[in-house]
């Protein structure tokens, strides 16, 4: 057996779309334990936004969502990536959803209630048929709320919108995303981003944080926060309101 599978050399990304938090959590844990990286989304628009940023290798998609219909999401995903494996979740009596899903490009479906193990097994089969198990995943992708950063391509998106950063701003954001919700002091930031702790460095950090905040938070709820006298932190908008 080859040792170059994505599950060994980089984690396959699985987008999980369902509006039931408990179910999403269970599936995320199962996907993680199977050696893959889950990206949960609670509705269709969030799913499409995250998909554009993280480029998933497979999708677990509920047929009924609070905003867009699951079939609408499926069609848009298929438009952007015709070969993307999609596993639909449907209610046991939703025969029309299953038929519509298969007609619109779903590769397989699982009826609720189901076991997480069944979903993982179905995903494994879809990934194998798609050839994903033999490719290396970009394990440098970080997702926090609607913010997506790829260390491999050095691209940043928020709500699907590309954000242009300088090299230093990118390194600063990358450090913050490596420690979400944690408060990082100026000395630590200087050491990791500038490899220095020279006098006056605190002002340098402030200037770059201010510039980064203008670009990341422009027109949207703030993610980057100042903790007075301590440092800076990044957290999803639901925590920052």
C-alpha atoms as a PDB file:
ATOM      1  CA  UNK A   1       0.000   0.000   0.000  1.00  0.00           C
ATOM      2  CA  UNK A   2       1.306   3.441  -0.907  1.00  0.00           C
ATOM      3  CA  UNK A   3       2.401   5.806   1.887  1.00  0.00           C
ATOM      4  CA  UNK A   4       1.515   8.981  -0.009  1.00  0.00           C
ATOM      5  CA  UNK A   5      -2.185   9.154   0.778  1.00  0.00           C
ATOM      6  CA  UNK A   6      -3.595  12.513   1.793  1.00  0.00           C
ATOM      7  CA  UNK A   7      -4.606  11.124   5.176  1.00  0.00           C
ATOM      8  CA  UNK A   8      -0.902  10.542   5.929  1.00  0.00           C
ATOM      9  CA  UNK A   9       0.821  13.437   4.175  1.00  0.00           C
ATOM     10  CA  UNK A  10      -1.845  16.118   4.576  1.00  0.00           C
ATOM     11  CA  UNK A  11      -5.417  16.177   5.813  1.00  0.00           C
ATOM     12  CA  UNK A  12      -8.291  15.941   3.365  1.00  0.00           C
ATOM     13  CA  UNK A  13     -10.762  18.796   3.829  1.00  0.00           C
ATOM     14  CA  UNK A  14     -14.434  17.910   4.288  1.00  0.00           C
ATOM     15  CA  UNK A  15     -17.127  20.597   4.253  1.00  0.00           C
ATOM     16  CA  UNK A  16     -20.009  19.621   6.574  1.00  0.00           C
ATOM     17  CA  UNK A  17     -23.237  21.544   5.977  1.00  0.00           C
ATOM     18  CA  UNK A  18     -26.096  21.134   8.447  1.00  0.00           C
ATOM     19  CA  UNK A  19     -28.133  23.530  10.595  1.00  0.00           C
ATOM     20  CA  UNK A  20     -28.216  21.193  13.599  1.00  0.00           C
ATOM     21  CA  UNK A  21     -25.168  22.105  15.759  1.00  0.00           C
ATOM     22  CA  UNK A  22     -25.173  18.801  17.647  1.00  0.00           C
ATOM     23  CA  UNK A  23     -25.185  16.791  14.425  1.00  0.00           C
ATOM     24  CA  UNK A  24     -22.470  18.952  12.881  1.00  0.00           C
ATOM     25  CA  UNK A  25     -20.334  18.463  15.990  1.00  0.00           C
ATOM     26  CA  UNK A  26     -20.754  14.678  15.910  1.00  0.00           C
ATOM     27  CA  UNK A  27     -19.838  14.523  12.221  1.00  0.00           C
ATOM     28  CA  UNK A  28     -16.873  16.859  12.728  1.00  0.00           C
ATOM     29  CA  UNK A  29     -15.506  14.614  15.461  1.00  0.00           C
ATOM     30  CA  UNK A  30     -15.990  11.512  13.299  1.00  0.00           C
ATOM     31  CA  UNK A  31     -14.288  13.161  10.316  1.00  0.00           C
ATOM     32  CA  UNK A  32     -11.391  14.317  12.508  1.00  0.00           C
ATOM     33  CA  UNK A  33     -10.926  10.862  13.989  1.00  0.00           C
ATOM     34  CA  UNK A  34     -10.801   9.493  10.443  1.00  0.00           C
ATOM     35  CA  UNK A  35      -7.774  11.705   9.791  1.00  0.00           C
ATOM     36  CA  UNK A  36      -9.537  14.419   7.832  1.00  0.00           C
ATOM     37  CA  UNK A  37     -10.140  18.090   8.547  1.00  0.00           C
ATOM     38  CA  UNK A  38     -13.788  19.193   8.964  1.00  0.00           C
ATOM     39  CA  UNK A  39     -15.107  22.615   7.972  1.00  0.00           C
ATOM     40  CA  UNK A  40     -18.603  23.041   9.444  1.00  0.00           C
ATOM     41  CA  UNK A  41     -21.221  25.395   7.997  1.00  0.00           C
ATOM     42  CA  UNK A  42     -24.682  26.058   9.446  1.00  0.00           C
ATOM     43  CA  UNK A  43     -26.382  27.268   6.268  1.00  0.00           C
ATOM     44  CA  UNK A  44     -26.043  27.343   2.508  1.00  0.00           C
ATOM     45  CA  UNK A  45     -24.479  30.780   2.117  1.00  0.00           C
ATOM     46  CA  UNK A  46     -21.835  30.020   4.729  1.00  0.00           C
ATOM     47  CA  UNK A  47     -21.127  26.723   2.983  1.00  0.00           C
ATOM     48  CA  UNK A  48     -20.535  28.403  -0.381  1.00  0.00           C
ATOM     49  CA  UNK A  49     -18.355  31.054   1.217  1.00  0.00           C
ATOM     50  CA  UNK A  50     -16.215  28.523   3.059  1.00  0.00           C
ATOM     51  CA  UNK A  51     -15.995  26.277  -0.003  1.00  0.00           C
ATOM     52  CA  UNK A  52     -14.546  29.126  -2.063  1.00  0.00           C
ATOM     53  CA  UNK A  53     -11.913  29.708   0.576  1.00  0.00           C
ATOM     54  CA  UNK A  54     -10.839  26.218   1.610  1.00  0.00           C
ATOM     55  CA  UNK A  55     -11.471  24.223  -1.604  1.00  0.00           C
ATOM     56  CA  UNK A  56     -12.863  21.077   0.075  1.00  0.00           C
ATOM     57  CA  UNK A  57     -12.088  17.605  -1.199  1.00  0.00           C
ATOM     58  CA  UNK A  58     -15.607  16.388  -0.321  1.00  0.00           C
ATOM     59  CA  UNK A  59     -18.909  17.727   1.028  1.00  0.00           C
ATOM     60  CA  UNK A  60     -21.495  16.324   3.429  1.00  0.00           C
ATOM     61  CA  UNK A  61     -24.628  18.333   2.611  1.00  0.00           C
ATOM     62  CA  UNK A  62     -28.013  18.390   4.342  1.00  0.00           C
ATOM     63  CA  UNK A  63     -30.913  18.529   1.901  1.00  0.00           C
ATOM     64  CA  UNK A  64     -32.864  21.065   3.986  1.00  0.00           C
ATOM     65  CA  UNK A  65     -31.167  24.279   5.127  1.00  0.00           C
ATOM     66  CA  UNK A  66     -32.574  27.459   6.695  1.00  0.00           C
ATOM     67  CA  UNK A  67     -31.628  29.797   3.837  1.00  0.00           C
ATOM     68  CA  UNK A  68     -30.788  28.165   0.517  1.00  0.00           C
ATOM     69  CA  UNK A  69     -32.244  24.794  -0.388  1.00  0.00           C
ATOM     70  CA  UNK A  70     -29.698  21.975  -0.286  1.00  0.00           C
ATOM     71  CA  UNK A  71     -30.232  21.378  -4.000  1.00  0.00           C
ATOM     72  CA  UNK A  72     -29.389  25.025  -4.734  1.00  0.00           C
ATOM     73  CA  UNK A  73     -26.159  24.669  -2.777  1.00  0.00           C
ATOM     74  CA  UNK A  74     -25.394  21.430  -4.590  1.00  0.00           C
ATOM     75  CA  UNK A  75     -25.875  23.077  -7.992  1.00  0.00           C
ATOM     76  CA  UNK A  76     -23.571  25.969  -7.113  1.00  0.00           C
ATOM     77  CA  UNK A  77     -20.903  23.640  -5.749  1.00  0.00           C
ATOM     78  CA  UNK A  78     -21.179  21.534  -8.889  1.00  0.00           C
ATOM     79  CA  UNK A  79     -20.909  24.655 -11.080  1.00  0.00           C
ATOM     80  CA  UNK A  80     -17.644  25.679  -9.398  1.00  0.00           C
ATOM     81  CA  UNK A  81     -16.221  22.145  -9.145  1.00  0.00           C
ATOM     82  CA  UNK A  82     -17.975  19.521 -11.293  1.00  0.00           C
ATOM     83  CA  UNK A  83     -15.890  16.675  -9.837  1.00  0.00           C
ATOM     84  CA  UNK A  84     -16.362  17.518  -6.152  1.00  0.00           C
ATOM     85  CA  UNK A  85     -17.714  14.446  -4.284  1.00  0.00           C
ATOM     86  CA  UNK A  86     -20.982  15.293  -2.493  1.00  0.00           C
ATOM     87  CA  UNK A  87     -22.749  13.106   0.063  1.00  0.00           C
ATOM     88  CA  UNK A  88     -26.324  14.255   0.723  1.00  0.00           C
ATOM     89  CA  UNK A  89     -28.091  13.895   4.063  1.00  0.00           C
ATOM     90  CA  UNK A  90     -31.857  13.476   3.774  1.00  0.00           C
ATOM     91  CA  UNK A  91     -34.808  12.675   5.993  1.00  0.00           C
ATOM     92  CA  UNK A  92     -36.002   9.101   5.627  1.00  0.00           C
ATOM     93  CA  UNK A  93     -39.288  10.184   4.026  1.00  0.00           C
ATOM     94  CA  UNK A  94     -37.763  12.850   1.735  1.00  0.00           C
ATOM     95  CA  UNK A  95     -37.771  10.711  -1.398  1.00  0.00           C
ATOM     96  CA  UNK A  96     -37.997  13.753  -3.679  1.00  0.00           C
ATOM     97  CA  UNK A  97     -34.875  15.268  -2.115  1.00  0.00           C
ATOM     98  CA  UNK A  98     -32.932  12.071  -2.720  1.00  0.00           C
ATOM     99  CA  UNK A  99     -34.041  11.908  -6.341  1.00  0.00           C
ATOM    100  CA  UNK A 100     -33.384  15.616  -6.936  1.00  0.00           C
ATOM    101  CA  UNK A 101     -29.991  15.317  -5.271  1.00  0.00           C
ATOM    102  CA  UNK A 102     -28.896  12.437  -7.463  1.00  0.00           C
ATOM    103  CA  UNK A 103     -30.245  14.156 -10.581  1.00  0.00           C
ATOM    104  CA  UNK A 104     -28.321  17.324  -9.719  1.00  0.00           C
ATOM    105  CA  UNK A 105     -25.001  15.649  -9.151  1.00  0.00           C
ATOM    106  CA  UNK A 106     -24.934  14.174  -5.640  1.00  0.00           C
ATOM    107  CA  UNK A 107     -22.696  11.113  -5.606  1.00  0.00           C
ATOM    108  CA  UNK A 108     -24.405   9.337  -2.724  1.00  0.00           C
ATOM    109  CA  UNK A 109     -26.876   9.937   0.087  1.00  0.00           C
ATOM    110  CA  UNK A 110     -27.482   8.850   3.677  1.00  0.00           C
ATOM    111  CA  UNK A 111     -30.901   8.975   5.318  1.00  0.00           C
ATOM    112  CA  UNK A 112     -31.446  10.335   8.826  1.00  0.00           C
ATOM    113  CA  UNK A 113     -31.041   9.014  11.416  1.00  0.00           C
ATOM    114  CA  UNK A 114     -27.639   7.530  10.603  1.00  0.00           C
ATOM    115  CA  UNK A 115     -24.424   6.547  12.344  1.00  0.00           C
ATOM    116  CA  UNK A 116     -21.320   8.763  11.961  1.00  0.00           C
ATOM    117  CA  UNK A 117     -19.393   5.618  11.047  1.00  0.00           C
ATOM    118  CA  UNK A 118     -21.645   5.111   8.022  1.00  0.00           C
ATOM    119  CA  UNK A 119     -21.008   8.671   6.841  1.00  0.00           C
ATOM    120  CA  UNK A 120     -17.244   8.213   7.212  1.00  0.00           C
ATOM    121  CA  UNK A 121     -17.348   4.947   5.258  1.00  0.00           C
ATOM    122  CA  UNK A 122     -19.404   6.513   2.464  1.00  0.00           C
ATOM    123  CA  UNK A 123     -16.991   9.463   2.338  1.00  0.00           C
ATOM    124  CA  UNK A 124     -14.015   7.130   2.167  1.00  0.00           C
ATOM    125  CA  UNK A 125     -15.533   5.417  -0.849  1.00  0.00           C
ATOM    126  CA  UNK A 126     -16.267   8.714  -2.602  1.00  0.00           C
ATOM    127  CA  UNK A 127     -12.760  10.046  -1.944  1.00  0.00           C
ATOM    128  CA  UNK A 128     -11.194   6.835  -3.184  1.00  0.00           C
ATOM    129  CA  UNK A 129     -13.205   6.935  -6.414  1.00  0.00           C
ATOM    130  CA  UNK A 130     -12.302  10.611  -6.875  1.00  0.00           C
ATOM    131  CA  UNK A 131      -8.612   9.805  -6.453  1.00  0.00           C
ATOM    132  CA  UNK A 132      -8.275  12.201  -3.522  1.00  0.00           C
ATOM    133  CA  UNK A 133      -6.705   9.609  -1.250  1.00  0.00           C
ATOM    134  CA  UNK A 134      -3.614   9.730  -3.434  1.00  0.00           C
ATOM    135  CA  UNK A 135      -3.134  13.493  -3.414  1.00  0.00           C
ATOM    136  CA  UNK A 136      -1.595  15.803  -0.887  1.00  0.00           C
ATOM    137  CA  UNK A 137      -3.933  18.247   0.823  1.00  0.00           C
ATOM    138  CA  UNK A 138      -3.070  21.845   1.628  1.00  0.00           C
ATOM    139  CA  UNK A 139      -2.864  21.424   5.388  1.00  0.00           C
ATOM    140  CA  UNK A 140      -1.943  25.087   5.812  1.00  0.00           C
ATOM    141  CA  UNK A 141      -5.520  26.332   5.376  1.00  0.00           C
ATOM    142  CA  UNK A 142      -7.007  28.030   8.444  1.00  0.00           C
ATOM    143  CA  UNK A 143     -10.667  28.969   8.752  1.00  0.00           C
ATOM    144  CA  UNK A 144     -12.071  31.199  11.497  1.00  0.00           C
ATOM    145  CA  UNK A 145     -15.670  32.281  10.993  1.00  0.00           C
ATOM    146  CA  UNK A 146     -15.838  33.688   7.461  1.00  0.00           C
ATOM    147  CA  UNK A 147     -12.080  34.320   7.305  1.00  0.00           C
ATOM    148  CA  UNK A 148      -9.939  31.863   5.317  1.00  0.00           C
ATOM    149  CA  UNK A 149      -6.136  31.863   4.999  1.00  0.00           C
ATOM    150  CA  UNK A 150      -3.986  29.497   2.928  1.00  0.00           C
ATOM    151  CA  UNK A 151      -0.351  29.332   3.945  1.00  0.00           C
ATOM    152  CA  UNK A 152       0.506  27.411   0.797  1.00  0.00           C
ATOM    153  CA  UNK A 153      -0.856  29.976  -1.673  1.00  0.00           C
ATOM    154  CA  UNK A 154      -0.576  32.937   0.750  1.00  0.00           C
ATOM    155  CA  UNK A 155      -4.131  33.957  -0.111  1.00  0.00           C
ATOM    156  CA  UNK A 156      -6.673  35.423   2.306  1.00  0.00           C
ATOM    157  CA  UNK A 157     -10.448  35.686   1.847  1.00  0.00           C
ATOM    158  CA  UNK A 158     -13.205  37.010   4.063  1.00  0.00           C
ATOM    159  CA  UNK A 159     -16.791  36.190   3.154  1.00  0.00           C
ATOM    160  CA  UNK A 160     -15.466  35.067  -0.217  1.00  0.00           C
ATOM    161  CA  UNK A 161     -13.760  38.427  -0.883  1.00  0.00           C
ATOM    162  CA  UNK A 162      -9.994  38.316  -1.548  1.00  0.00           C
ATOM    163  CA  UNK A 163      -7.883  40.496   0.726  1.00  0.00           C
ATOM    164  CA  UNK A 164      -4.451  41.721  -0.357  1.00  0.00           C
ATOM    165  CA  UNK A 165      -1.898  41.803   2.447  1.00  0.00           C
ATOM    166  CA  UNK A 166       1.758  42.688   2.624  1.00  0.00           C
ATOM    167  CA  UNK A 167       4.148  39.856   3.523  1.00  0.00           C
ATOM    168  CA  UNK A 168       4.425  41.119   7.097  1.00  0.00           C
ATOM    169  CA  UNK A 169       0.656  41.536   7.479  1.00  0.00           C
ATOM    170  CA  UNK A 170       0.164  37.994   6.201  1.00  0.00           C
ATOM    171  CA  UNK A 171       2.666  36.633   8.745  1.00  0.00           C
ATOM    172  CA  UNK A 172       0.956  38.598  11.509  1.00  0.00           C
ATOM    173  CA  UNK A 173      -2.494  37.297  10.574  1.00  0.00           C
ATOM    174  CA  UNK A 174      -1.116  33.773  10.288  1.00  0.00           C
ATOM    175  CA  UNK A 175       0.256  34.012  13.822  1.00  0.00           C
ATOM    176  CA  UNK A 176      -3.067  35.259  15.188  1.00  0.00           C
ATOM    177  CA  UNK A 177      -4.970  32.461  13.417  1.00  0.00           C
ATOM    178  CA  UNK A 178      -2.565  29.899  14.853  1.00  0.00           C
ATOM    179  CA  UNK A 179      -3.803  31.034  18.287  1.00  0.00           C
ATOM    180  CA  UNK A 180      -7.499  31.968  17.890  1.00  0.00           C
ATOM    181  CA  UNK A 181      -9.133  33.605  20.930  1.00  0.00           C
ATOM    182  CA  UNK A 182      -5.755  33.738  22.683  1.00  0.00           C
ATOM    183  CA  UNK A 183      -4.254  37.109  23.649  1.00  0.00           C
ATOM    184  CA  UNK A 184      -0.776  37.579  22.182  1.00  0.00           C
ATOM    185  CA  UNK A 185       1.515  40.200  23.677  1.00  0.00           C
ATOM    186  CA  UNK A 186       3.587  42.613  21.600  1.00  0.00           C
ATOM    187  CA  UNK A 187       6.866  40.934  22.590  1.00  0.00           C
ATOM    188  CA  UNK A 188       5.636  37.556  21.398  1.00  0.00           C
ATOM    189  CA  UNK A 189       4.388  39.031  18.126  1.00  0.00           C
ATOM    190  CA  UNK A 190       7.709  40.803  17.545  1.00  0.00           C
ATOM    191  CA  UNK A 191       9.628  37.618  18.237  1.00  0.00           C
ATOM    192  CA  UNK A 192       7.567  35.500  15.826  1.00  0.00           C
ATOM    193  CA  UNK A 193       6.876  37.979  13.019  1.00  0.00           C
ATOM    194  CA  UNK A 194       9.998  40.155  13.083  1.00  0.00           C
ATOM    195  CA  UNK A 195      12.366  37.769  14.925  1.00  0.00           C
ATOM    196  CA  UNK A 196      13.246  40.687  17.136  1.00  0.00           C
ATOM    197  CA  UNK A 197      12.437  42.425  20.416  1.00  0.00           C
ATOM    198  CA  UNK A 198      14.096  45.780  19.707  1.00  0.00           C
ATOM    199  CA  UNK A 199      13.066  48.985  21.493  1.00  0.00           C
ATOM    200  CA  UNK A 200      10.180  50.724  19.810  1.00  0.00           C
ATOM    201  CA  UNK A 201       8.894  47.476  18.423  1.00  0.00           C
ATOM    202  CA  UNK A 202       5.608  47.955  20.224  1.00  0.00           C
ATOM    203  CA  UNK A 203       4.751  50.844  17.927  1.00  0.00           C
ATOM    204  CA  UNK A 204       5.654  48.694  14.935  1.00  0.00           C
ATOM    205  CA  UNK A 205       3.166  46.053  16.059  1.00  0.00           C
ATOM    206  CA  UNK A 206       0.465  48.684  16.619  1.00  0.00           C
ATOM    207  CA  UNK A 207       0.922  50.100  13.116  1.00  0.00           C
ATOM    208  CA  UNK A 208       0.676  46.678  11.465  1.00  0.00           C
ATOM    209  CA  UNK A 209      -2.284  45.593  13.607  1.00  0.00           C
ATOM    210  CA  UNK A 210      -4.095  48.800  12.658  1.00  0.00           C
ATOM    211  CA  UNK A 211      -3.428  48.224   8.959  1.00  0.00           C
ATOM    212  CA  UNK A 212      -4.420  44.561   9.174  1.00  0.00           C
ATOM    213  CA  UNK A 213      -7.614  45.426  11.028  1.00  0.00           C
ATOM    214  CA  UNK A 214      -8.626  47.961   8.355  1.00  0.00           C
ATOM    215  CA  UNK A 215      -8.267  45.325   5.647  1.00  0.00           C
ATOM    216  CA  UNK A 216      -9.761  42.331   7.484  1.00  0.00           C
ATOM    217  CA  UNK A 217     -12.607  44.103   9.240  1.00  0.00           C
ATOM    218  CA  UNK A 218     -13.527  46.599   6.498  1.00  0.00           C
ATOM    219  CA  UNK A 219     -17.313  46.778   6.245  1.00  0.00           C
ATOM    220  CA  UNK A 220     -17.799  43.804   8.564  1.00  0.00           C
ATOM    221  CA  UNK A 221     -17.949  42.991  12.293  1.00  0.00           C
ATOM    222  CA  UNK A 222     -14.537  43.151  13.938  1.00  0.00           C
ATOM    223  CA  UNK A 223     -12.457  40.001  14.378  1.00  0.00           C
ATOM    224  CA  UNK A 224      -9.184  41.545  15.564  1.00  0.00           C
ATOM    225  CA  UNK A 225      -9.370  42.995  19.075  1.00  0.00           C
ATOM    226  CA  UNK A 226      -7.066  44.926  21.363  1.00  0.00           C
ATOM    227  CA  UNK A 227      -6.885  43.783  24.976  1.00  0.00           C
ATOM    228  CA  UNK A 228      -5.691  46.902  26.711  1.00  0.00           C
ATOM    229  CA  UNK A 229      -2.347  46.516  28.442  1.00  0.00           C
ATOM    230  CA  UNK A 230      -2.004  42.898  27.315  1.00  0.00           C
ATOM    231  CA  UNK A 231      -1.968  42.457  23.544  1.00  0.00           C
ATOM    232  CA  UNK A 232      -4.151  41.378  20.642  1.00  0.00           C
ATOM    233  CA  UNK A 233      -6.495  38.550  19.809  1.00  0.00           C
ATOM    234  CA  UNK A 234      -8.588  37.299  16.888  1.00  0.00           C
ATOM    235  CA  UNK A 235     -11.944  35.606  17.285  1.00  0.00           C
ATOM    236  CA  UNK A 236     -15.043  34.957  15.178  1.00  0.00           C
ATOM    237  CA  UNK A 237     -17.542  37.787  15.017  1.00  0.00           C
ATOM    238  CA  UNK A 238     -20.119  36.059  17.214  1.00  0.00           C
ATOM    239  CA  UNK A 239     -17.612  36.366  20.051  1.00  0.00           C
ATOM    240  CA  UNK A 240     -16.788  39.963  19.299  1.00  0.00           C
ATOM    241  CA  UNK A 241     -20.194  41.530  19.365  1.00  0.00           C
END
